[in-house]
């Protein structure tokens, strides 16, 4: 009587194929995680640069004097980083408007613009100007 015994378990070939499949899956996961990290960092930089540029345009629009026409540079610290701002104030076809372009870059790489913000600013209000209280106008007849 001959009895054939087959050992239970995986063969070496099956184990090797399984390891190849698992390693390919892990490489795909690593690639996607790297993309996520890169995209998250890129979005953080763009958002911070956008805030900086918007803050600068707002700052120029609320000053008591109109900003001088021309280019200027500035470095500021924001969110633990040093940023380089290139500010360009231009005339427009409309007499009471000036265009402001703010290019925001890292201070160590000022040639690489992270974000560009543009805005239009009006001349400052005359001294003693009292703004209209819009909530009280036309209420109650």
Foldseek 3Di string as FASTA:
>chain_A
DDDDDDDDDDDPVVVVVVVVVVVVVVVVVVVVVVVVVVVVVLVVLLVQQVVVQVVVVVVQQADLFHDDAAWDKDWDDDPNFIKIWIWGWADDPDRFKIKIKIFIDGPVCVVDTSDIDMDIHGGHDDPPDDDDPVVPPPPPD
